[in-house]
Amino acid sequence: MQGNTRALKTPVIKYPYLPLSEQIASILKIPGIEATLEQWRAKPRMSGTYMDIFDGDFCCTKLKGPDGKLFFSNSADERHGLNGELRLSVNLGVDWFSYIQSNITPSHSSAPTSFSICNLPLEYRYQTANLMCTSIMPGPKEQSPNEVQCFLRPIISNLLRLWKHGIKVPTKSQPEGRLVHVVLVAVVCDKPAAHKIGGFASHSHTYYCTECWISTADKGKVTTFQKGAFRPQTNAEQCHLGDKYHNLMSPPAQKNFVKEFAT
């Protein structure tokens, strides 16, 4: 500020972003959507038969809420949600694509990020009207791992808020506002994108796996095909390594750290 004149700042780059929380509030205005989102609660389940994501163990027995209890508990008295809450699960889809105008001009790569709602029946889940594009990582080139983490920050912050605190949205069943909690189930992408989003080194690194510490030198060994032959990657270890990387101040130090720890 100089006197009464406000200094104008030009953004370094424009990043289109629309929070998931706002888009969920819009989707819940669709007539009949509440009942459709909760159809999974009354659907008969048969052991060994997998028709949707709620037939698997992860959502029903392992996925926890901020209180440490099952996020998708579904006892007889919870057919309309715990305490009347609406609980949603989403998948995050990420992919880069190139727009080529001609054979003599450089390509332009961008990366849309979008959410799909796992609660929706398969015939509705991937309809354009039900997909929520939350951001577009701008081009012209594909982002570096560090840049990807910066672009993901508002998306992850919004997801954490939706999981921990939820939002109140006026709905047909609760015009005064229904509490909605959301949990991220999976990130759907190819392997190069998975490494960038998860904070792992390149898929061409010596330690190229996001599940265990197998190395490229182990590829041709018999142990490669044995379950549990290599030390598993863990969330706690990945977070610890990520914190250590974040505290490194110089690019050479960061490069050496990635080379050694694949993070």
C-alpha atoms as a PDB file:
ATOM      1  CA  MET A   1       0.000   0.000   0.000  1.00  0.00           C
ATOM      2  CA  GLN A   2       1.239   3.482  -0.874  1.00  0.00           C
ATOM      3  CA  GLY A   3      -1.118   6.152   0.411  1.00  0.00           C
ATOM      4  CA  ASN A   4      -4.576   5.181  -0.841  1.00  0.00           C
ATOM      5  CA  THR A   5      -3.222   3.216  -3.782  1.00  0.00           C
ATOM      6  CA  ARG A   6      -3.366  -0.562  -3.490  1.00  0.00           C
ATOM      7  CA  ALA A   7      -0.545  -2.415  -5.202  1.00  0.00           C
ATOM      8  CA  LEU A   8      -1.861  -4.910  -7.741  1.00  0.00           C
ATOM      9  CA  LYS A   9      -0.237  -8.318  -7.889  1.00  0.00           C
ATOM     10  CA  THR A  10      -0.202 -10.484 -10.971  1.00  0.00           C
ATOM     11  CA  PRO A  11      -0.369 -14.223 -10.264  1.00  0.00           C
ATOM     12  CA  VAL A  12       2.627 -16.238 -11.394  1.00  0.00           C
ATOM     13  CA  ILE A  13       0.270 -18.845 -12.807  1.00  0.00           C
ATOM     14  CA  LYS A  14      -3.504 -19.340 -12.852  1.00  0.00           C
ATOM     15  CA  TYR A  15      -4.794 -22.514 -11.219  1.00  0.00           C
ATOM     16  CA  PRO A  16      -8.514 -23.284 -11.729  1.00  0.00           C
ATOM     17  CA  TYR A  17      -9.841 -24.793  -8.501  1.00  0.00           C
ATOM     18  CA  LEU A  18     -13.327 -25.481  -7.128  1.00  0.00           C
ATOM     19  CA  PRO A  19     -13.498 -27.114  -3.669  1.00  0.00           C
ATOM     20  CA  LEU A  20     -15.072 -30.551  -3.400  1.00  0.00           C
ATOM     21  CA  SER A  21     -17.221 -29.289  -0.518  1.00  0.00           C
ATOM     22  CA  GLU A  22     -18.973 -26.758  -2.781  1.00  0.00           C
ATOM     23  CA  GLN A  23     -19.606 -29.338  -5.487  1.00  0.00           C
ATOM     24  CA  ILE A  24     -21.070 -31.849  -3.039  1.00  0.00           C
ATOM     25  CA  ALA A  25     -23.466 -29.167  -1.829  1.00  0.00           C
ATOM     26  CA  SER A  26     -24.558 -28.635  -5.447  1.00  0.00           C
ATOM     27  CA  ILE A  27     -25.012 -32.347  -6.175  1.00  0.00           C
ATOM     28  CA  LEU A  28     -27.185 -32.796  -3.087  1.00  0.00           C
ATOM     29  CA  LYS A  29     -29.707 -30.397  -4.639  1.00  0.00           C
ATOM     30  CA  ILE A  30     -30.544 -32.992  -7.312  1.00  0.00           C
ATOM     31  CA  PRO A  31     -33.998 -34.509  -6.591  1.00  0.00           C
ATOM     32  CA  GLY A  32     -33.759 -38.072  -5.290  1.00  0.00           C
ATOM     33  CA  ILE A  33     -29.976 -38.066  -4.938  1.00  0.00           C
ATOM     34  CA  GLU A  34     -29.997 -38.641  -1.160  1.00  0.00           C
ATOM     35  CA  ALA A  35     -31.852 -41.928  -1.440  1.00  0.00           C
ATOM     36  CA  THR A  36     -29.610 -43.034  -4.299  1.00  0.00           C
ATOM     37  CA  LEU A  37     -26.472 -42.281  -2.285  1.00  0.00           C
ATOM     38  CA  GLU A  38     -27.719 -44.507   0.540  1.00  0.00           C
ATOM     39  CA  GLN A  39     -28.929 -47.463  -1.513  1.00  0.00           C
ATOM     40  CA  TRP A  40     -25.773 -49.379  -0.558  1.00  0.00           C
ATOM     41  CA  ARG A  41     -26.992 -49.646   3.049  1.00  0.00           C
ATOM     42  CA  ALA A  42     -29.982 -51.834   2.155  1.00  0.00           C
ATOM     43  CA  LYS A  43     -28.326 -53.845  -0.616  1.00  0.00           C
ATOM     44  CA  PRO A  44     -28.004 -57.598   0.191  1.00  0.00           C
ATOM     45  CA  ARG A  45     -24.400 -58.787   0.479  1.00  0.00           C
ATOM     46  CA  MET A  46     -23.044 -62.259  -0.251  1.00  0.00           C
ATOM     47  CA  SER A  47     -19.606 -63.377   0.905  1.00  0.00           C
ATOM     48  CA  GLY A  48     -17.277 -63.813  -2.064  1.00  0.00           C
ATOM     49  CA  THR A  49     -19.503 -61.835  -4.439  1.00  0.00           C
ATOM     50  CA  TYR A  50     -18.110 -58.433  -5.407  1.00  0.00           C
ATOM     51  CA  MET A  51     -20.518 -56.098  -7.171  1.00  0.00           C
ATOM     52  CA  ASP A  52     -19.467 -52.725  -5.749  1.00  0.00           C
ATOM     53  CA  ILE A  53     -16.893 -51.167  -3.449  1.00  0.00           C
ATOM     54  CA  PHE A  54     -18.931 -51.954  -0.319  1.00  0.00           C
ATOM     55  CA  ASP A  55     -18.602 -55.704  -0.955  1.00  0.00           C
ATOM     56  CA  GLY A  56     -14.889 -55.461  -0.165  1.00  0.00           C
ATOM     57  CA  ASP A  57     -13.258 -55.496   3.259  1.00  0.00           C
ATOM     58  CA  PHE A  58     -11.655 -52.069   3.060  1.00  0.00           C
ATOM     59  CA  CYS A  59     -14.749 -49.854   3.278  1.00  0.00           C
ATOM     60  CA  CYS A  60     -16.711 -52.066   5.650  1.00  0.00           C
ATOM     61  CA  THR A  61     -14.046 -53.243   8.102  1.00  0.00           C
ATOM     62  CA  LYS A  62     -10.943 -51.055   7.806  1.00  0.00           C
ATOM     63  CA  LEU A  63     -11.867 -47.511   6.829  1.00  0.00           C
ATOM     64  CA  LYS A  64     -12.055 -45.388   9.997  1.00  0.00           C
ATOM     65  CA  GLY A  65     -13.532 -42.014  10.806  1.00  0.00           C
ATOM     66  CA  PRO A  66     -11.845 -39.277  12.868  1.00  0.00           C
ATOM     67  CA  ASP A  67     -13.303 -40.849  16.038  1.00  0.00           C
ATOM     68  CA  GLY A  68     -11.519 -44.131  15.324  1.00  0.00           C
ATOM     69  CA  LYS A  69     -14.782 -45.983  14.622  1.00  0.00           C
ATOM     70  CA  LEU A  70     -15.811 -47.518  11.307  1.00  0.00           C
ATOM     71  CA  PHE A  71     -16.596 -44.767   8.826  1.00  0.00           C
ATOM     72  CA  PHE A  72     -19.266 -46.874   7.120  1.00  0.00           C
ATOM     73  CA  SER A  73     -20.835 -48.643  10.086  1.00  0.00           C
ATOM     74  CA  ASN A  74     -24.200 -50.035   8.997  1.00  0.00           C
ATOM     75  CA  SER A  75     -26.059 -51.621  11.883  1.00  0.00           C
ATOM     76  CA  ALA A  76     -29.850 -51.994  11.878  1.00  0.00           C
ATOM     77  CA  ASP A  77     -30.378 -48.606  13.556  1.00  0.00           C
ATOM     78  CA  GLU A  78     -28.073 -46.811  11.101  1.00  0.00           C
ATOM     79  CA  ARG A  79     -29.962 -47.397   7.853  1.00  0.00           C
ATOM     80  CA  HIS A  80     -30.252 -43.632   7.431  1.00  0.00           C
ATOM     81  CA  GLY A  81     -26.748 -42.880   8.672  1.00  0.00           C
ATOM     82  CA  LEU A  82     -25.237 -42.551  12.119  1.00  0.00           C
ATOM     83  CA  ASN A  83     -27.178 -39.768  13.893  1.00  0.00           C
ATOM     84  CA  GLY A  84     -28.762 -38.899  10.557  1.00  0.00           C
ATOM     85  CA  GLU A  85     -25.420 -38.136   8.901  1.00  0.00           C
ATOM     86  CA  LEU A  86     -24.730 -38.723   5.229  1.00  0.00           C
ATOM     87  CA  ARG A  87     -21.418 -40.495   4.691  1.00  0.00           C
ATOM     88  CA  LEU A  88     -19.803 -40.406   1.263  1.00  0.00           C
ATOM     89  CA  SER A  89     -16.751 -42.084  -0.217  1.00  0.00           C
ATOM     90  CA  VAL A  90     -14.917 -40.628  -3.196  1.00  0.00           C
ATOM     91  CA  ASN A  91     -12.168 -41.603  -5.616  1.00  0.00           C
ATOM     92  CA  LEU A  92      -9.727 -39.006  -6.929  1.00  0.00           C
ATOM     93  CA  GLY A  93      -8.831 -39.343 -10.600  1.00  0.00           C
ATOM     94  CA  VAL A  94      -5.680 -37.666 -11.935  1.00  0.00           C
ATOM     95  CA  ASP A  95      -4.144 -37.832 -15.391  1.00  0.00           C
ATOM     96  CA  TRP A  96      -2.066 -35.647 -17.679  1.00  0.00           C
ATOM     97  CA  PHE A  97      -2.965 -35.252 -21.319  1.00  0.00           C
ATOM     98  CA  SER A  98      -1.328 -33.400 -24.177  1.00  0.00           C
ATOM     99  CA  TYR A  99      -3.064 -31.045 -26.547  1.00  0.00           C
ATOM    100  CA  ILE A 100      -1.278 -31.022 -29.882  1.00  0.00           C
ATOM    101  CA  GLN A 101      -2.303 -28.252 -32.269  1.00  0.00           C
ATOM    102  CA  SER A 102      -0.054 -29.304 -35.133  1.00  0.00           C
ATOM    103  CA  ASN A 103       3.063 -31.321 -35.904  1.00  0.00           C
ATOM    104  CA  ILE A 104       5.283 -28.235 -35.851  1.00  0.00           C
ATOM    105  CA  THR A 105       4.159 -26.682 -32.554  1.00  0.00           C
ATOM    106  CA  PRO A 106       5.044 -27.962 -29.078  1.00  0.00           C
ATOM    107  CA  SER A 107       2.454 -29.972 -27.160  1.00  0.00           C
ATOM    108  CA  HIS A 108       0.670 -28.582 -24.112  1.00  0.00           C
ATOM    109  CA  SER A 109       0.166 -30.883 -21.093  1.00  0.00           C
ATOM    110  CA  SER A 110      -2.485 -30.272 -18.436  1.00  0.00           C
ATOM    111  CA  ALA A 111      -3.804 -32.440 -15.607  1.00  0.00           C
ATOM    112  CA  PRO A 112      -7.471 -32.343 -14.583  1.00  0.00           C
ATOM    113  CA  THR A 113      -8.247 -33.734 -11.133  1.00  0.00           C
ATOM    114  CA  SER A 114     -11.769 -35.012 -10.546  1.00  0.00           C
ATOM    115  CA  PHE A 115     -13.779 -36.889  -7.935  1.00  0.00           C
ATOM    116  CA  SER A 116     -16.300 -39.680  -8.419  1.00  0.00           C
ATOM    117  CA  ILE A 117     -18.703 -40.752  -5.662  1.00  0.00           C
ATOM    118  CA  CYS A 118     -18.402 -44.452  -4.782  1.00  0.00           C
ATOM    119  CA  ASN A 119     -21.853 -44.457  -3.141  1.00  0.00           C
ATOM    120  CA  LEU A 120     -23.524 -43.973  -6.505  1.00  0.00           C
ATOM    121  CA  PRO A 121     -24.594 -47.089  -8.428  1.00  0.00           C
ATOM    122  CA  LEU A 122     -22.255 -47.889 -11.309  1.00  0.00           C
ATOM    123  CA  GLU A 123     -24.726 -46.707 -13.947  1.00  0.00           C
ATOM    124  CA  TYR A 124     -24.654 -43.192 -12.443  1.00  0.00           C
ATOM    125  CA  ARG A 125     -21.155 -42.981 -10.983  1.00  0.00           C
ATOM    126  CA  TYR A 126     -19.267 -41.895 -14.085  1.00  0.00           C
ATOM    127  CA  GLN A 127     -21.913 -39.801 -15.780  1.00  0.00           C
ATOM    128  CA  THR A 128     -20.531 -36.373 -16.593  1.00  0.00           C
ATOM    129  CA  ALA A 129     -23.127 -34.671 -14.393  1.00  0.00           C
ATOM    130  CA  ASN A 130     -21.938 -36.670 -11.370  1.00  0.00           C
ATOM    131  CA  LEU A 131     -18.183 -36.207 -11.827  1.00  0.00           C
ATOM    132  CA  MET A 132     -16.667 -33.294  -9.939  1.00  0.00           C
ATOM    133  CA  CYS A 133     -13.681 -31.630 -11.608  1.00  0.00           C
ATOM    134  CA  THR A 134     -11.957 -29.928  -8.704  1.00  0.00           C
ATOM    135  CA  SER A 135      -8.888 -28.474 -10.430  1.00  0.00           C
ATOM    136  CA  ILE A 136      -6.730 -28.354 -13.538  1.00  0.00           C
ATOM    137  CA  MET A 137      -2.967 -28.356 -13.072  1.00  0.00           C
ATOM    138  CA  PRO A 138      -1.910 -25.958 -15.820  1.00  0.00           C
ATOM    139  CA  GLY A 139       0.672 -26.497 -18.560  1.00  0.00           C
ATOM    140  CA  PRO A 140       2.474 -26.101 -20.770  1.00  0.00           C
ATOM    141  CA  LYS A 141       4.641 -28.846 -19.240  1.00  0.00           C
ATOM    142  CA  GLU A 142       3.888 -31.671 -16.827  1.00  0.00           C
ATOM    143  CA  GLN A 143       4.547 -30.590 -13.250  1.00  0.00           C
ATOM    144  CA  SER A 144       7.524 -31.760 -11.194  1.00  0.00           C
ATOM    145  CA  PRO A 145       6.842 -33.828  -8.034  1.00  0.00           C
ATOM    146  CA  ASN A 146       7.356 -30.748  -5.842  1.00  0.00           C
ATOM    147  CA  GLU A 147       4.956 -28.687  -7.955  1.00  0.00           C
ATOM    148  CA  VAL A 148       2.327 -31.437  -7.843  1.00  0.00           C
ATOM    149  CA  GLN A 149       2.412 -31.385  -4.039  1.00  0.00           C
ATOM    150  CA  CYS A 150       1.806 -27.620  -4.065  1.00  0.00           C
ATOM    151  CA  PHE A 151      -1.179 -27.942  -6.404  1.00  0.00           C
ATOM    152  CA  LEU A 152      -2.630 -30.768  -4.289  1.00  0.00           C
ATOM    153  CA  ARG A 153      -2.454 -28.799  -1.039  1.00  0.00           C
ATOM    154  CA  PRO A 154      -5.894 -27.089  -1.238  1.00  0.00           C
ATOM    155  CA  ILE A 155      -7.507 -30.343  -2.410  1.00  0.00           C
ATOM    156  CA  ILE A 156      -6.071 -32.324   0.508  1.00  0.00           C
ATOM    157  CA  SER A 157      -6.929 -29.582   3.014  1.00  0.00           C
ATOM    158  CA  ASN A 158     -10.543 -29.649   1.848  1.00  0.00           C
ATOM    159  CA  LEU A 159     -10.637 -33.461   2.043  1.00  0.00           C
ATOM    160  CA  LEU A 160      -9.313 -33.395   5.609  1.00  0.00           C
ATOM    161  CA  ARG A 161     -11.979 -30.892   6.608  1.00  0.00           C
ATOM    162  CA  LEU A 162     -14.714 -33.024   5.027  1.00  0.00           C
ATOM    163  CA  TRP A 163     -13.436 -36.165   6.773  1.00  0.00           C
ATOM    164  CA  LYS A 164     -12.790 -34.664  10.196  1.00  0.00           C
ATOM    165  CA  HIS A 165     -15.485 -32.017  10.607  1.00  0.00           C
ATOM    166  CA  GLY A 166     -17.855 -32.481   7.677  1.00  0.00           C
ATOM    167  CA  ILE A 167     -20.164 -29.809   6.291  1.00  0.00           C
ATOM    168  CA  LYS A 168     -23.835 -29.043   6.814  1.00  0.00           C
ATOM    169  CA  VAL A 169     -25.865 -29.023   3.623  1.00  0.00           C
ATOM    170  CA  PRO A 170     -29.611 -28.306   3.354  1.00  0.00           C
ATOM    171  CA  THR A 171     -31.268 -31.375   1.838  1.00  0.00           C
ATOM    172  CA  LYS A 172     -34.802 -32.576   1.187  1.00  0.00           C
ATOM    173  CA  SER A 173     -34.727 -34.863   4.230  1.00  0.00           C
ATOM    174  CA  GLN A 174     -33.160 -32.216   6.472  1.00  0.00           C
ATOM    175  CA  PRO A 175     -33.891 -28.692   5.190  1.00  0.00           C
ATOM    176  CA  GLU A 176     -32.224 -27.221   8.269  1.00  0.00           C
ATOM    177  CA  GLY A 177     -28.943 -28.824   7.198  1.00  0.00           C
ATOM    178  CA  ARG A 178     -27.671 -32.398   7.093  1.00  0.00           C
ATOM    179  CA  LEU A 179     -24.165 -33.208   8.303  1.00  0.00           C
ATOM    180  CA  VAL A 180     -22.102 -34.737   5.488  1.00  0.00           C
ATOM    181  CA  HIS A 181     -18.767 -36.477   6.031  1.00  0.00           C
ATOM    182  CA  VAL A 182     -16.544 -37.545   3.141  1.00  0.00           C
ATOM    183  CA  VAL A 183     -13.632 -39.979   2.959  1.00  0.00           C
ATOM    184  CA  LEU A 184     -11.121 -40.567   0.169  1.00  0.00           C
ATOM    185  CA  VAL A 185     -10.999 -44.265  -0.732  1.00  0.00           C
ATOM    186  CA  ALA A 186      -8.536 -44.368  -3.626  1.00  0.00           C
ATOM    187  CA  VAL A 187      -6.507 -42.342  -6.097  1.00  0.00           C
ATOM    188  CA  VAL A 188      -7.109 -43.579  -9.637  1.00  0.00           C
ATOM    189  CA  CYS A 189      -4.186 -42.878 -11.958  1.00  0.00           C
ATOM    190  CA  ASP A 190      -1.301 -44.448 -13.848  1.00  0.00           C
ATOM    191  CA  LYS A 191       2.005 -45.381 -12.202  1.00  0.00           C
ATOM    192  CA  PRO A 192       3.975 -42.179 -13.011  1.00  0.00           C
ATOM    193  CA  ALA A 193       1.148 -40.074 -11.566  1.00  0.00           C
ATOM    194  CA  ALA A 194       0.903 -42.323  -8.489  1.00  0.00           C
ATOM    195  CA  HIS A 195       4.553 -41.629  -7.670  1.00  0.00           C
ATOM    196  CA  LYS A 196       4.095 -37.865  -7.950  1.00  0.00           C
ATOM    197  CA  ILE A 197       0.889 -37.764  -5.943  1.00  0.00           C
ATOM    198  CA  GLY A 198       2.145 -40.117  -3.227  1.00  0.00           C
ATOM    199  CA  GLY A 199       5.446 -38.295  -2.802  1.00  0.00           C
ATOM    200  CA  PHE A 200       7.540 -41.159  -4.177  1.00  0.00           C
ATOM    201  CA  ALA A 201      10.547 -40.877  -6.467  1.00  0.00           C
ATOM    202  CA  SER A 202      10.168 -41.557 -10.177  1.00  0.00           C
ATOM    203  CA  HIS A 203       8.884 -44.952 -11.294  1.00  0.00           C
ATOM    204  CA  SER A 204      12.299 -45.415 -12.955  1.00  0.00           C
ATOM    205  CA  HIS A 205      14.099 -45.123  -9.584  1.00  0.00           C
ATOM    206  CA  THR A 206      16.133 -48.037  -8.182  1.00  0.00           C
ATOM    207  CA  TYR A 207      13.324 -48.501  -5.635  1.00  0.00           C
ATOM    208  CA  TYR A 208      10.462 -48.336  -8.085  1.00  0.00           C
ATOM    209  CA  CYS A 209       7.616 -49.855  -6.057  1.00  0.00           C
ATOM    210  CA  THR A 210       5.141 -47.932  -3.884  1.00  0.00           C
ATOM    211  CA  GLU A 211       4.249 -51.086  -1.924  1.00  0.00           C
ATOM    212  CA  CYS A 212       7.622 -52.487  -0.855  1.00  0.00           C
ATOM    213  CA  TRP A 213      11.374 -51.877  -0.997  1.00  0.00           C
ATOM    214  CA  ILE A 214      12.125 -54.164  -3.927  1.00  0.00           C
ATOM    215  CA  SER A 215      14.929 -52.820  -6.140  1.00  0.00           C
ATOM    216  CA  THR A 216      15.581 -53.088  -9.854  1.00  0.00           C
ATOM    217  CA  ALA A 217      18.381 -55.565  -9.062  1.00  0.00           C
ATOM    218  CA  ASP A 218      15.783 -57.918  -7.535  1.00  0.00           C
ATOM    219  CA  LYS A 219      13.536 -58.089 -10.599  1.00  0.00           C
ATOM    220  CA  GLY A 220      14.978 -61.319 -11.964  1.00  0.00           C
ATOM    221  CA  LYS A 221      15.134 -63.196  -8.664  1.00  0.00           C
ATOM    222  CA  VAL A 222      12.781 -65.916  -7.491  1.00  0.00           C
ATOM    223  CA  THR A 223      12.014 -63.900  -4.348  1.00  0.00           C
ATOM    224  CA  THR A 224      10.311 -61.305  -6.546  1.00  0.00           C
ATOM    225  CA  PHE A 225       7.336 -63.663  -6.812  1.00  0.00           C
ATOM    226  CA  GLN A 226       7.211 -64.557  -3.111  1.00  0.00           C
ATOM    227  CA  LYS A 227       4.738 -62.741  -0.887  1.00  0.00           C
ATOM    228  CA  GLY A 228       6.401 -60.707   1.860  1.00  0.00           C
ATOM    229  CA  ALA A 229       9.911 -61.150   0.461  1.00  0.00           C
ATOM    230  CA  PHE A 230      10.664 -57.436   0.718  1.00  0.00           C
ATOM    231  CA  ARG A 231      10.176 -54.909   3.493  1.00  0.00           C
ATOM    232  CA  PRO A 232       6.828 -53.164   2.970  1.00  0.00           C
ATOM    233  CA  GLN A 233       6.399 -49.446   2.463  1.00  0.00           C
ATOM    234  CA  THR A 234       4.376 -47.960   5.329  1.00  0.00           C
ATOM    235  CA  ASN A 235       2.411 -44.757   5.709  1.00  0.00           C
ATOM    236  CA  ALA A 236       4.323 -43.830   8.886  1.00  0.00           C
ATOM    237  CA  GLU A 237       7.689 -44.250   7.186  1.00  0.00           C
ATOM    238  CA  GLN A 238       6.592 -42.334   4.092  1.00  0.00           C
ATOM    239  CA  CYS A 239       5.332 -39.428   6.223  1.00  0.00           C
ATOM    240  CA  HIS A 240       8.578 -39.410   8.229  1.00  0.00           C
ATOM    241  CA  LEU A 241      10.701 -39.351   5.077  1.00  0.00           C
ATOM    242  CA  GLY A 242       8.468 -36.671   3.591  1.00  0.00           C
ATOM    243  CA  ASP A 243       9.003 -34.449   6.640  1.00  0.00           C
ATOM    244  CA  LYS A 244      12.766 -34.912   6.412  1.00  0.00           C
ATOM    245  CA  TYR A 245      12.711 -34.032   2.713  1.00  0.00           C
ATOM    246  CA  HIS A 246      10.583 -30.951   3.399  1.00  0.00           C
ATOM    247  CA  ASN A 247      13.179 -29.659   5.870  1.00  0.00           C
ATOM    248  CA  LEU A 248      16.020 -29.816   3.334  1.00  0.00           C
ATOM    249  CA  MET A 249      16.851 -26.338   2.102  1.00  0.00           C
ATOM    250  CA  SER A 250      19.013 -26.889  -0.991  1.00  0.00           C
ATOM    251  CA  PRO A 251      18.166 -28.637  -4.286  1.00  0.00           C
ATOM    252  CA  PRO A 252      21.382 -30.743  -4.172  1.00  0.00           C
ATOM    253  CA  ALA A 253      20.465 -32.021  -0.700  1.00  0.00           C
ATOM    254  CA  GLN A 254      16.954 -32.839  -1.893  1.00  0.00           C
ATOM    255  CA  LYS A 255      18.305 -34.642  -4.962  1.00  0.00           C
ATOM    256  CA  ASN A 256      20.644 -36.796  -2.858  1.00  0.00           C
ATOM    257  CA  PHE A 257      17.830 -37.582  -0.416  1.00  0.00           C
ATOM    258  CA  VAL A 258      15.536 -38.742  -3.226  1.00  0.00           C
ATOM    259  CA  LYS A 259      18.324 -40.891  -4.654  1.00  0.00           C
ATOM    260  CA  GLU A 260      18.846 -42.631  -1.310  1.00  0.00           C
ATOM    261  CA  PHE A 261      15.301 -42.876   0.075  1.00  0.00           C
ATOM    262  CA  ALA A 262      13.097 -42.745  -3.063  1.00  0.00           C
ATOM    263  CA  THR A 263      10.912 -40.062  -1.468  1.00  0.00           C
END
